[in-house]
Amino acid sequence: MENFDHQIVREFRDRLDAMMPVLDLRVFGSRARGNAQEDSDLDIFLKVPELDRPLREQIYDLAWEIGFKYDRIISTFVVTEDQITAGAVGASPVLAKILEEGIAV
């Protein structure tokens, strides 16, 4: 992951930590692999203890705000621990790939 992307993720993480507990945050996709194009988005996986509509909207708004500031589209994949352990998300090959290859921040 490039230093510029790391700077963006660090600010995103710091702002999230001030809003809510974050159990896990990982960058995944082309930016984590180092083969991103100039217009590639920044994919971020978040695991939080609980998630409701207002909190999800706060996360999306923050991603938009920071993405706008740095001219980078931030795409978030947000899940709860319960969704991973007791829901279909836990069996997702996408989640397995994120946990295997994602860069924890």
PDB file of N, CA and C in Angstrom:
ATOM      1  N   MET A   1       0.849  -1.174   0.000  1.00  0.00           N
ATOM      2  CA  MET A   1       0.000   0.000   0.000  1.00  0.00           C
ATOM      3  C   MET A   1       0.894   1.236   0.000  1.00  0.00           C
ATOM      4  N   GLU A   2       0.528   2.194  -0.837  1.00  0.00           N
ATOM      5  CA  GLU A   2       1.314   3.427  -0.945  1.00  0.00           C
ATOM      6  C   GLU A   2       1.163   4.288   0.310  1.00  0.00           C
ATOM      7  N   ASN A   3       2.157   5.139   0.558  1.00  0.00           N
ATOM      8  CA  ASN A   3       2.127   6.023   1.726  1.00  0.00           C
ATOM      9  C   ASN A   3       0.914   6.953   1.734  1.00  0.00           C
ATOM     10  N   PHE A   4       0.538   7.451   0.543  1.00  0.00           N
ATOM     11  CA  PHE A   4      -0.609   8.345   0.463  1.00  0.00           C
ATOM     12  C   PHE A   4      -1.881   7.633   0.902  1.00  0.00           C
ATOM     13  N   ASP A   5      -2.063   6.394   0.454  1.00  0.00           N
ATOM     14  CA  ASP A   5      -3.230   5.617   0.871  1.00  0.00           C
ATOM     15  C   ASP A   5      -3.185   5.334   2.366  1.00  0.00           C
ATOM     16  N   HIS A   6      -2.012   5.051   2.875  1.00  0.00           N
ATOM     17  CA  HIS A   6      -1.875   4.802   4.307  1.00  0.00           C
ATOM     18  C   HIS A   6      -2.271   6.048   5.102  1.00  0.00           C
ATOM     19  N   GLN A   7      -1.899   7.219   4.619  1.00  0.00           N
ATOM     20  CA  GLN A   7      -2.268   8.473   5.273  1.00  0.00           C
ATOM     21  C   GLN A   7      -3.792   8.632   5.305  1.00  0.00           C
ATOM     22  N   ILE A   8      -4.446   8.336   4.196  1.00  0.00           N
ATOM     23  CA  ILE A   8      -5.906   8.434   4.118  1.00  0.00           C
ATOM     24  C   ILE A   8      -6.554   7.470   5.110  1.00  0.00           C
ATOM     25  N   VAL A   9      -6.083   6.240   5.121  1.00  0.00           N
ATOM     26  CA  VAL A   9      -6.653   5.220   6.005  1.00  0.00           C
ATOM     27  C   VAL A   9      -6.405   5.569   7.462  1.00  0.00           C
ATOM     28  N   ARG A  10      -5.241   6.101   7.769  1.00  0.00           N
ATOM     29  CA  ARG A  10      -4.942   6.477   9.148  1.00  0.00           C
ATOM     30  C   ARG A  10      -5.914   7.560   9.631  1.00  0.00           C
ATOM     31  N   GLU A  11      -6.178   8.568   8.790  1.00  0.00           N
ATOM     32  CA  GLU A  11      -7.135   9.606   9.177  1.00  0.00           C
ATOM     33  C   GLU A  11      -8.534   9.013   9.333  1.00  0.00           C
ATOM     34  N   PHE A  12      -8.921   8.153   8.413  1.00  0.00           N
ATOM     35  CA  PHE A  12     -10.231   7.497   8.494  1.00  0.00           C
ATOM     36  C   PHE A  12     -10.339   6.704   9.796  1.00  0.00           C
ATOM     37  N   ARG A  13      -9.300   5.930  10.116  1.00  0.00           N
ATOM     38  CA  ARG A  13      -9.299   5.126  11.340  1.00  0.00           C
ATOM     39  C   ARG A  13      -9.370   6.018  12.585  1.00  0.00           C
ATOM     40  N   ASP A  14      -8.580   7.064  12.616  1.00  0.00           N
ATOM     41  CA  ASP A  14      -8.581   7.967  13.766  1.00  0.00           C
ATOM     42  C   ASP A  14      -9.960   8.591  13.982  1.00  0.00           C
ATOM     43  N   ARG A  15     -10.589   9.025  12.916  1.00  0.00           N
ATOM     44  CA  ARG A  15     -11.922   9.634  13.025  1.00  0.00           C
ATOM     45  C   ARG A  15     -12.961   8.603  13.434  1.00  0.00           C
ATOM     46  N   LEU A  16     -12.856   7.379  12.911  1.00  0.00           N
ATOM     47  CA  LEU A  16     -13.773   6.305  13.319  1.00  0.00           C
ATOM     48  C   LEU A  16     -13.614   5.984  14.796  1.00  0.00           C
ATOM     49  N   ASP A  17     -12.371   5.872  15.248  1.00  0.00           N
ATOM     50  CA  ASP A  17     -12.107   5.545  16.651  1.00  0.00           C
ATOM     51  C   ASP A  17     -12.741   6.570  17.592  1.00  0.00           C
ATOM     52  N   ALA A  18     -12.846   7.813  17.156  1.00  0.00           N
ATOM     53  CA  ALA A  18     -13.476   8.848  17.970  1.00  0.00           C
ATOM     54  C   ALA A  18     -15.005   8.706  17.997  1.00  0.00           C
ATOM     55  N   MET A  19     -15.562   7.999  17.011  1.00  0.00           N
ATOM     56  CA  MET A  19     -17.008   7.845  16.892  1.00  0.00           C
ATOM     57  C   MET A  19     -17.533   6.548  17.507  1.00  0.00           C
ATOM     58  N   MET A  20     -16.742   5.469  17.417  1.00  0.00           N
ATOM     59  CA  MET A  20     -17.237   4.145  17.768  1.00  0.00           C
ATOM     60  C   MET A  20     -16.072   3.195  17.980  1.00  0.00           C
ATOM     61  N   PRO A  21     -16.321   2.063  18.627  1.00  0.00           N
ATOM     62  CA  PRO A  21     -15.266   1.048  18.697  1.00  0.00           C
ATOM     63  C   PRO A  21     -15.117   0.363  17.323  1.00  0.00           C
ATOM     64  N   VAL A  22     -13.904   0.187  16.905  1.00  0.00           N
ATOM     65  CA  VAL A  22     -13.606  -0.531  15.663  1.00  0.00           C
ATOM     66  C   VAL A  22     -12.830  -1.785  16.054  1.00  0.00           C
ATOM     67  N   LEU A  23     -13.400  -2.939  15.756  1.00  0.00           N
ATOM     68  CA  LEU A  23     -12.765  -4.207  16.114  1.00  0.00           C
ATOM     69  C   LEU A  23     -11.690  -4.613  15.113  1.00  0.00           C
ATOM     70  N   ASP A  24     -11.880  -4.249  13.866  1.00  0.00           N
ATOM     71  CA  ASP A  24     -10.916  -4.603  12.822  1.00  0.00           C
ATOM     72  C   ASP A  24     -11.099  -3.636  11.667  1.00  0.00           C
ATOM     73  N   LEU A  25     -10.000  -3.183  11.087  1.00  0.00           N
ATOM     74  CA  LEU A  25     -10.019  -2.348   9.895  1.00  0.00           C
ATOM     75  C   LEU A  25      -8.899  -2.842   9.000  1.00  0.00           C
ATOM     76  N   ARG A  26      -9.254  -3.176   7.763  1.00  0.00           N
ATOM     77  CA  ARG A  26      -8.272  -3.672   6.794  1.00  0.00           C
ATOM     78  C   ARG A  26      -8.500  -3.029   5.435  1.00  0.00           C
ATOM     79  N   VAL A  27      -7.415  -2.743   4.772  1.00  0.00           N
ATOM     80  CA  VAL A  27      -7.466  -2.298   3.385  1.00  0.00           C
ATOM     81  C   VAL A  27      -7.331  -3.550   2.530  1.00  0.00           C
ATOM     82  N   PHE A  28      -8.181  -3.656   1.523  1.00  0.00           N
ATOM     83  CA  PHE A  28      -8.117  -4.810   0.635  1.00  0.00           C
ATOM     84  C   PHE A  28      -8.275  -4.346  -0.811  1.00  0.00           C
ATOM     85  N   GLY A  29      -8.150  -5.263  -1.714  1.00  0.00           N
ATOM     86  CA  GLY A  29      -8.304  -4.935  -3.129  1.00  0.00           C
ATOM     87  C   GLY A  29      -7.007  -4.450  -3.751  1.00  0.00           C
ATOM     88  N   SER A  30      -7.156  -3.759  -4.868  1.00  0.00           N
ATOM     89  CA  SER A  30      -5.989  -3.380  -5.675  1.00  0.00           C
ATOM     90  C   SER A  30      -5.020  -2.463  -4.947  1.00  0.00           C
ATOM     91  N   ARG A  31      -5.513  -1.582  -4.099  1.00  0.00           N
ATOM     92  CA  ARG A  31      -4.606  -0.680  -3.382  1.00  0.00           C
ATOM     93  C   ARG A  31      -3.791  -1.453  -2.348  1.00  0.00           C
ATOM     94  N   ALA A  32      -4.373  -2.450  -1.721  1.00  0.00           N
ATOM     95  CA  ALA A  32      -3.626  -3.285  -0.774  1.00  0.00           C
ATOM     96  C   ALA A  32      -2.609  -4.157  -1.521  1.00  0.00           C
ATOM     97  N   ARG A  33      -3.002  -4.635  -2.698  1.00  0.00           N
ATOM     98  CA  ARG A  33      -2.097  -5.486  -3.484  1.00  0.00           C
ATOM     99  C   ARG A  33      -0.985  -4.691  -4.164  1.00  0.00           C
ATOM    100  N   GLY A  34      -1.189  -3.376  -4.312  1.00  0.00           N
ATOM    101  CA  GLY A  34      -0.181  -2.550  -4.963  1.00  0.00           C
ATOM    102  C   GLY A  34      -0.301  -2.497  -6.468  1.00  0.00           C
ATOM    103  N   ASN A  35      -1.456  -2.920  -7.004  1.00  0.00           N
ATOM    104  CA  ASN A  35      -1.619  -2.870  -8.465  1.00  0.00           C
ATOM    105  C   ASN A  35      -2.790  -1.971  -8.866  1.00  0.00           C
ATOM    106  N   ALA A  36      -3.060  -0.945  -8.071  1.00  0.00           N
ATOM    107  CA  ALA A  36      -4.165  -0.022  -8.336  1.00  0.00           C
ATOM    108  C   ALA A  36      -3.842   0.898  -9.500  1.00  0.00           C
ATOM    109  N   GLN A  37      -4.877   1.289 -10.194  1.00  0.00           N
ATOM    110  CA  GLN A  37      -4.781   2.329 -11.210  1.00  0.00           C
ATOM    111  C   GLN A  37      -5.020   3.673 -10.521  1.00  0.00           C
ATOM    112  N   GLU A  38      -4.762   4.756 -11.212  1.00  0.00           N
ATOM    113  CA  GLU A  38      -4.937   6.093 -10.633  1.00  0.00           C
ATOM    114  C   GLU A  38      -6.351   6.296 -10.100  1.00  0.00           C
ATOM    115  N   ASP A  39      -7.361   5.777 -10.816  1.00  0.00           N
ATOM    116  CA  ASP A  39      -8.755   5.999 -10.417  1.00  0.00           C
ATOM    117  C   ASP A  39      -9.353   4.842  -9.613  1.00  0.00           C
ATOM    118  N   SER A  40      -8.529   3.917  -9.149  1.00  0.00           N
ATOM    119  CA  SER A  40      -9.036   2.807  -8.336  1.00  0.00           C
ATOM    120  C   SER A  40      -9.537   3.315  -6.996  1.00  0.00           C
ATOM    121  N   ASP A  41     -10.600   2.672  -6.509  1.00  0.00           N
ATOM    122  CA  ASP A  41     -11.100   3.071  -5.194  1.00  0.00           C
ATOM    123  C   ASP A  41     -10.240   2.458  -4.097  1.00  0.00           C
ATOM    124  N   LEU A  42     -10.460   2.937  -2.895  1.00  0.00           N
ATOM    125  CA  LEU A  42      -9.758   2.452  -1.710  1.00  0.00           C
ATOM    126  C   LEU A  42     -10.764   1.610  -0.932  1.00  0.00           C
ATOM    127  N   ASP A  43     -10.599   0.300  -0.966  1.00  0.00           N
ATOM    128  CA  ASP A  43     -11.524  -0.628  -0.323  1.00  0.00           C
ATOM    129  C   ASP A  43     -11.134  -0.829   1.136  1.00  0.00           C
ATOM    130  N   ILE A  44     -12.100  -0.594   2.030  1.00  0.00           N
ATOM    131  CA  ILE A  44     -11.841  -0.723   3.464  1.00  0.00           C
ATOM    132  C   ILE A  44     -12.878  -1.643   4.093  1.00  0.00           C
ATOM    133  N   PHE A  45     -12.390  -2.662   4.791  1.00  0.00           N
ATOM    134  CA  PHE A  45     -13.216  -3.583   5.566  1.00  0.00           C
ATOM    135  C   PHE A  45     -13.248  -3.101   7.011  1.00  0.00           C
ATOM    136  N   LEU A  46     -14.444  -3.056   7.582  1.00  0.00           N
ATOM    137  CA  LEU A  46     -14.609  -2.654   8.977  1.00  0.00           C
ATOM    138  C   LEU A  46     -15.436  -3.703   9.713  1.00  0.00           C
ATOM    139  N   LYS A  47     -14.958  -4.090  10.883  1.00  0.00           N
ATOM    140  CA  LYS A  47     -15.759  -4.931  11.779  1.00  0.00           C
ATOM    141  C   LYS A  47     -16.033  -4.102  13.026  1.00  0.00           C
ATOM    142  N   VAL A  48     -17.317  -3.946  13.336  1.00  0.00           N
ATOM    143  CA  VAL A  48     -17.756  -3.161  14.484  1.00  0.00           C
ATOM    144  C   VAL A  48     -18.640  -4.026  15.377  1.00  0.00           C
ATOM    145  N   PRO A  49     -18.756  -3.685  16.669  1.00  0.00           N
ATOM    146  CA  PRO A  49     -19.566  -4.509  17.569  1.00  0.00           C
ATOM    147  C   PRO A  49     -21.043  -4.530  17.208  1.00  0.00           C
ATOM    148  N   GLU A  50     -21.591  -3.361  16.870  1.00  0.00           N
ATOM    149  CA  GLU A  50     -23.001  -3.233  16.523  1.00  0.00           C
ATOM    150  C   GLU A  50     -23.125  -2.264  15.364  1.00  0.00           C
ATOM    151  N   LEU A  51     -24.207  -2.444  14.607  1.00  0.00           N
ATOM    152  CA  LEU A  51     -24.390  -1.586  13.438  1.00  0.00           C
ATOM    153  C   LEU A  51     -25.884  -1.370  13.211  1.00  0.00           C
ATOM    154  N   ASP A  52     -26.275  -0.100  13.173  1.00  0.00           N
ATOM    155  CA  ASP A  52     -27.639   0.248  12.807  1.00  0.00           C
ATOM    156  C   ASP A  52     -27.568   1.259  11.666  1.00  0.00           C
ATOM    157  N   ARG A  53     -28.715   1.631  11.158  1.00  0.00           N
ATOM    158  CA  ARG A  53     -28.746   2.530  10.001  1.00  0.00           C
ATOM    159  C   ARG A  53     -28.038   3.863  10.265  1.00  0.00           C
ATOM    160  N   PRO A  54     -28.300   4.545  11.398  1.00  0.00           N
ATOM    161  CA  PRO A  54     -27.601   5.821  11.621  1.00  0.00           C
ATOM    162  C   PRO A  54     -26.074   5.674  11.678  1.00  0.00           C
ATOM    163  N   LEU A  55     -25.591   4.602  12.300  1.00  0.00           N
ATOM    164  CA  LEU A  55     -24.147   4.395  12.363  1.00  0.00           C
ATOM    165  C   LEU A  55     -23.581   4.091  10.981  1.00  0.00           C
ATOM    166  N   ARG A  56     -24.277   3.264  10.214  1.00  0.00           N
ATOM    167  CA  ARG A  56     -23.833   2.967   8.843  1.00  0.00           C
ATOM    168  C   ARG A  56     -23.749   4.258   8.032  1.00  0.00           C
ATOM    169  N   GLU A  57     -24.745   5.125   8.178  1.00  0.00           N
ATOM    170  CA  GLU A  57     -24.740   6.389   7.440  1.00  0.00           C
ATOM    171  C   GLU A  57     -23.587   7.285   7.883  1.00  0.00           C
ATOM    172  N   GLN A  58     -23.264   7.286   9.181  1.00  0.00           N
ATOM    173  CA  GLN A  58     -22.115   8.059   9.665  1.00  0.00           C
ATOM    174  C   GLN A  58     -20.819   7.556   9.032  1.00  0.00           C
ATOM    175  N   ILE A  59     -20.681   6.240   8.930  1.00  0.00           N
ATOM    176  CA  ILE A  59     -19.483   5.654   8.326  1.00  0.00           C
ATOM    177  C   ILE A  59     -19.389   6.055   6.853  1.00  0.00           C
ATOM    178  N   TYR A  60     -20.495   5.926   6.117  1.00  0.00           N
ATOM    179  CA  TYR A  60     -20.501   6.302   4.699  1.00  0.00           C
ATOM    180  C   TYR A  60     -20.213   7.797   4.518  1.00  0.00           C
ATOM    181  N   ASP A  61     -20.804   8.624   5.383  1.00  0.00           N
ATOM    182  CA  ASP A  61     -20.558  10.066   5.289  1.00  0.00           C
ATOM    183  C   ASP A  61     -19.093  10.398   5.551  1.00  0.00           C
ATOM    184  N   LEU A  62     -18.512   9.740   6.538  1.00  0.00           N
ATOM    185  CA  LEU A  62     -17.100   9.972   6.846  1.00  0.00           C
ATOM    186  C   LEU A  62     -16.214   9.519   5.681  1.00  0.00           C
ATOM    187  N   ALA A  63     -16.537   8.365   5.102  1.00  0.00           N
ATOM    188  CA  ALA A  63     -15.774   7.875   3.950  1.00  0.00           C
ATOM    189  C   ALA A  63     -15.856   8.879   2.796  1.00  0.00           C
ATOM    190  N   TRP A  64     -17.042   9.417   2.568  1.00  0.00           N
ATOM    191  CA  TRP A  64     -17.198  10.402   1.495  1.00  0.00           C
ATOM    192  C   TRP A  64     -16.393  11.656   1.807  1.00  0.00           C
ATOM    193  N   GLU A  65     -16.495  12.152   3.042  1.00  0.00           N
ATOM    194  CA  GLU A  65     -15.801  13.382   3.436  1.00  0.00           C
ATOM    195  C   GLU A  65     -14.289  13.255   3.269  1.00  0.00           C
ATOM    196  N   ILE A  66     -13.729  12.172   3.768  1.00  0.00           N
ATOM    197  CA  ILE A  66     -12.277  11.987   3.674  1.00  0.00           C
ATOM    198  C   ILE A  66     -11.873  11.694   2.230  1.00  0.00           C
ATOM    199  N   GLY A  67     -12.679  10.904   1.539  1.00  0.00           N
ATOM    200  CA  GLY A  67     -12.397  10.646   0.126  1.00  0.00           C
ATOM    201  C   GLY A  67     -12.400  11.921  -0.692  1.00  0.00           C
ATOM    202  N   PHE A  68     -13.342  12.799  -0.430  1.00  0.00           N
ATOM    203  CA  PHE A  68     -13.423  14.078  -1.134  1.00  0.00           C
ATOM    204  C   PHE A  68     -12.186  14.915  -0.842  1.00  0.00           C
ATOM    205  N   LYS A  69     -11.779  14.925   0.419  1.00  0.00           N
ATOM    206  CA  LYS A  69     -10.604  15.696   0.829  1.00  0.00           C
ATOM    207  C   LYS A  69      -9.355  15.248   0.070  1.00  0.00           C
ATOM    208  N   TYR A  70      -9.205  13.949  -0.128  1.00  0.00           N
ATOM    209  CA  TYR A  70      -7.999  13.397  -0.762  1.00  0.00           C
ATOM    210  C   TYR A  70      -8.207  12.982  -2.214  1.00  0.00           C
ATOM    211  N   ASP A  71      -9.374  13.274  -2.774  1.00  0.00           N
ATOM    212  CA  ASP A  71      -9.686  12.909  -4.154  1.00  0.00           C
ATOM    213  C   ASP A  71      -9.532  11.402  -4.384  1.00  0.00           C
ATOM    214  N   ARG A  72     -10.123  10.644  -3.479  1.00  0.00           N
ATOM    215  CA  ARG A  72     -10.052   9.182  -3.541  1.00  0.00           C
ATOM    216  C   ARG A  72     -11.421   8.622  -3.141  1.00  0.00           C
ATOM    217  N   ILE A  73     -11.962   7.739  -3.939  1.00  0.00           N
ATOM    218  CA  ILE A  73     -13.221   7.091  -3.577  1.00  0.00           C
ATOM    219  C   ILE A  73     -12.918   6.011  -2.546  1.00  0.00           C
ATOM    220  N   ILE A  74     -13.601   6.090  -1.406  1.00  0.00           N
ATOM    221  CA  ILE A  74     -13.444   5.095  -0.353  1.00  0.00           C
ATOM    222  C   ILE A  74     -14.695   4.227  -0.338  1.00  0.00           C
ATOM    223  N   SER A  75     -14.514   2.936  -0.565  1.00  0.00           N
ATOM    224  CA  SER A  75     -15.615   1.973  -0.521  1.00  0.00           C
ATOM    225  C   SER A  75     -15.482   1.159   0.755  1.00  0.00           C
ATOM    226  N   THR A  76     -16.562   1.095   1.523  1.00  0.00           N
ATOM    227  CA  THR A  76     -16.503   0.383   2.792  1.00  0.00           C
ATOM    228  C   THR A  76     -17.334  -0.893   2.746  1.00  0.00           C
ATOM    229  N   PHE A  77     -16.826  -1.913   3.414  1.00  0.00           N
ATOM    230  CA  PHE A  77     -17.526  -3.183   3.630  1.00  0.00           C
ATOM    231  C   PHE A  77     -17.599  -3.320   5.144  1.00  0.00           C
ATOM    232  N   VAL A  78     -18.780  -3.052   5.707  1.00  0.00           N
ATOM    233  CA  VAL A  78     -18.939  -2.967   7.158  1.00  0.00           C
ATOM    234  C   VAL A  78     -19.769  -4.151   7.651  1.00  0.00           C
ATOM    235  N   VAL A  79     -19.236  -4.849   8.657  1.00  0.00           N
ATOM    236  CA  VAL A  79     -19.926  -5.999   9.237  1.00  0.00           C
ATOM    237  C   VAL A  79     -19.789  -5.975  10.753  1.00  0.00           C
ATOM    238  N   THR A  80     -20.656  -6.752  11.394  1.00  0.00           N
ATOM    239  CA  THR A  80     -20.550  -6.937  12.840  1.00  0.00           C
ATOM    240  C   THR A  80     -19.977  -8.324  13.118  1.00  0.00           C
ATOM    241  N   GLU A  81     -19.521  -8.503  14.334  1.00  0.00           N
ATOM    242  CA  GLU A  81     -19.018  -9.822  14.749  1.00  0.00           C
ATOM    243  C   GLU A  81     -20.109 -10.874  14.584  1.00  0.00           C
ATOM    244  N   ASP A  82     -21.347 -10.542  14.958  1.00  0.00           N
ATOM    245  CA  ASP A  82     -22.465 -11.489  14.827  1.00  0.00           C
ATOM    246  C   ASP A  82     -22.707 -11.874  13.375  1.00  0.00           C
ATOM    247  N   GLN A  83     -22.599 -10.930  12.464  1.00  0.00           N
ATOM    248  CA  GLN A  83     -22.793 -11.249  11.050  1.00  0.00           C
ATOM    249  C   GLN A  83     -21.736 -12.230  10.551  1.00  0.00           C
ATOM    250  N   ILE A  84     -20.545 -12.134  11.100  1.00  0.00           N
ATOM    251  CA  ILE A  84     -19.477 -13.037  10.692  1.00  0.00           C
ATOM    252  C   ILE A  84     -19.668 -14.419  11.306  1.00  0.00           C
ATOM    253  N   THR A  85     -19.985 -14.471  12.597  1.00  0.00           N
ATOM    254  CA  THR A  85     -20.065 -15.763  13.282  1.00  0.00           C
ATOM    255  C   THR A  85     -21.381 -16.482  13.065  1.00  0.00           C
ATOM    256  N   ALA A  86     -22.484 -15.752  12.876  1.00  0.00           N
ATOM    257  CA  ALA A  86     -23.784 -16.409  12.788  1.00  0.00           C
ATOM    258  C   ALA A  86     -24.520 -16.120  11.485  1.00  0.00           C
ATOM    259  N   GLY A  87     -23.936 -15.364  10.600  1.00  0.00           N
ATOM    260  CA  GLY A  87     -24.621 -15.001   9.360  1.00  0.00           C
ATOM    261  C   GLY A  87     -23.907 -15.525   8.125  1.00  0.00           C
ATOM    262  N   ALA A  88     -24.516 -15.254   6.998  1.00  0.00           N
ATOM    263  CA  ALA A  88     -23.966 -15.712   5.721  1.00  0.00           C
ATOM    264  C   ALA A  88     -22.635 -15.044   5.384  1.00  0.00           C
ATOM    265  N   VAL A  89     -22.396 -13.863   5.928  1.00  0.00           N
ATOM    266  CA  VAL A  89     -21.143 -13.149   5.649  1.00  0.00           C
ATOM    267  C   VAL A  89     -19.939 -14.007   6.034  1.00  0.00           C
ATOM    268  N   GLY A  90     -20.068 -14.738   7.132  1.00  0.00           N
ATOM    269  CA  GLY A  90     -18.963 -15.568   7.605  1.00  0.00           C
ATOM    270  C   GLY A  90     -18.525 -16.632   6.621  1.00  0.00           C
ATOM    271  N   ALA A  91     -19.423 -17.058   5.752  1.00  0.00           N
ATOM    272  CA  ALA A  91     -19.102 -18.093   4.764  1.00  0.00           C
ATOM    273  C   ALA A  91     -18.686 -17.508   3.417  1.00  0.00           C
ATOM    274  N   SER A  92     -18.648 -16.203   3.326  1.00  0.00           N
ATOM    275  CA  SER A  92     -18.355 -15.542   2.060  1.00  0.00           C
ATOM    276  C   SER A  92     -16.890 -15.708   1.662  1.00  0.00           C
ATOM    277  N   PRO A  93     -16.653 -16.115   0.406  1.00  0.00           N
ATOM    278  CA  PRO A  93     -15.262 -16.174  -0.069  1.00  0.00           C
ATOM    279  C   PRO A  93     -14.616 -14.790  -0.121  1.00  0.00           C
ATOM    280  N   VAL A  94     -15.421 -13.755  -0.276  1.00  0.00           N
ATOM    281  CA  VAL A  94     -14.886 -12.389  -0.273  1.00  0.00           C
ATOM    282  C   VAL A  94     -14.304 -12.075   1.098  1.00  0.00           C
ATOM    283  N   LEU A  95     -15.036 -12.416   2.156  1.00  0.00           N
ATOM    284  CA  LEU A  95     -14.539 -12.185   3.508  1.00  0.00           C
ATOM    285  C   LEU A  95     -13.266 -12.986   3.753  1.00  0.00           C
ATOM    286  N   ALA A  96     -13.234 -14.224   3.312  1.00  0.00           N
ATOM    287  CA  ALA A  96     -12.039 -15.053   3.504  1.00  0.00           C
ATOM    288  C   ALA A  96     -10.833 -14.400   2.827  1.00  0.00           C
ATOM    289  N   LYS A  97     -11.024 -13.860   1.636  1.00  0.00           N
ATOM    290  CA  LYS A  97      -9.931 -13.194   0.910  1.00  0.00           C
ATOM    291  C   LYS A  97      -9.488 -11.918   1.627  1.00  0.00           C
ATOM    292  N   ILE A  98     -10.447 -11.159   2.146  1.00  0.00           N
ATOM    293  CA  ILE A  98     -10.113  -9.934   2.879  1.00  0.00           C
ATOM    294  C   ILE A  98      -9.284 -10.274   4.110  1.00  0.00           C
ATOM    295  N   LEU A  99      -9.705 -11.281   4.858  1.00  0.00           N
ATOM    296  CA  LEU A  99      -8.993 -11.641   6.074  1.00  0.00           C
ATOM    297  C   LEU A  99      -7.617 -12.227   5.766  1.00  0.00           C
ATOM    298  N   GLU A 100      -7.488 -12.861   4.630  1.00  0.00           N
ATOM    299  CA  GLU A 100      -6.202 -13.454   4.231  1.00  0.00           C
ATOM    300  C   GLU A 100      -5.236 -12.418   3.684  1.00  0.00           C
ATOM    301  N   GLU A 101      -5.723 -11.532   2.827  1.00  0.00           N
ATOM    302  CA  GLU A 101      -4.837 -10.616   2.103  1.00  0.00           C
ATOM    303  C   GLU A 101      -4.917  -9.159   2.559  1.00  0.00           C
ATOM    304  N   GLY A 102      -5.938  -8.816   3.330  1.00  0.00           N
ATOM    305  CA  GLY A 102      -6.125  -7.424   3.731  1.00  0.00           C
ATOM    306  C   GLY A 102      -5.001  -6.948   4.639  1.00  0.00           C
ATOM    307  N   ILE A 103      -4.729  -5.662   4.563  1.00  0.00           N
ATOM    308  CA  ILE A 103      -3.698  -5.049   5.389  1.00  0.00           C
ATOM    309  C   ILE A 103      -4.370  -4.386   6.579  1.00  0.00           C
ATOM    310  N   ALA A 104      -4.070  -4.876   7.774  1.00  0.00           N
ATOM    311  CA  ALA A 104      -4.675  -4.321   8.994  1.00  0.00           C
ATOM    312  C   ALA A 104      -4.063  -2.954   9.301  1.00  0.00           C
ATOM    313  N   VAL A 105      -4.929  -2.032   9.666  1.00  0.00           N
ATOM    314  CA  VAL A 105      -4.482  -0.673  10.010  1.00  0.00           C
ATOM    315  C   VAL A 105      -5.035  -0.319  11.370  1.00  0.00           C
TER     316      VAL A 105
END
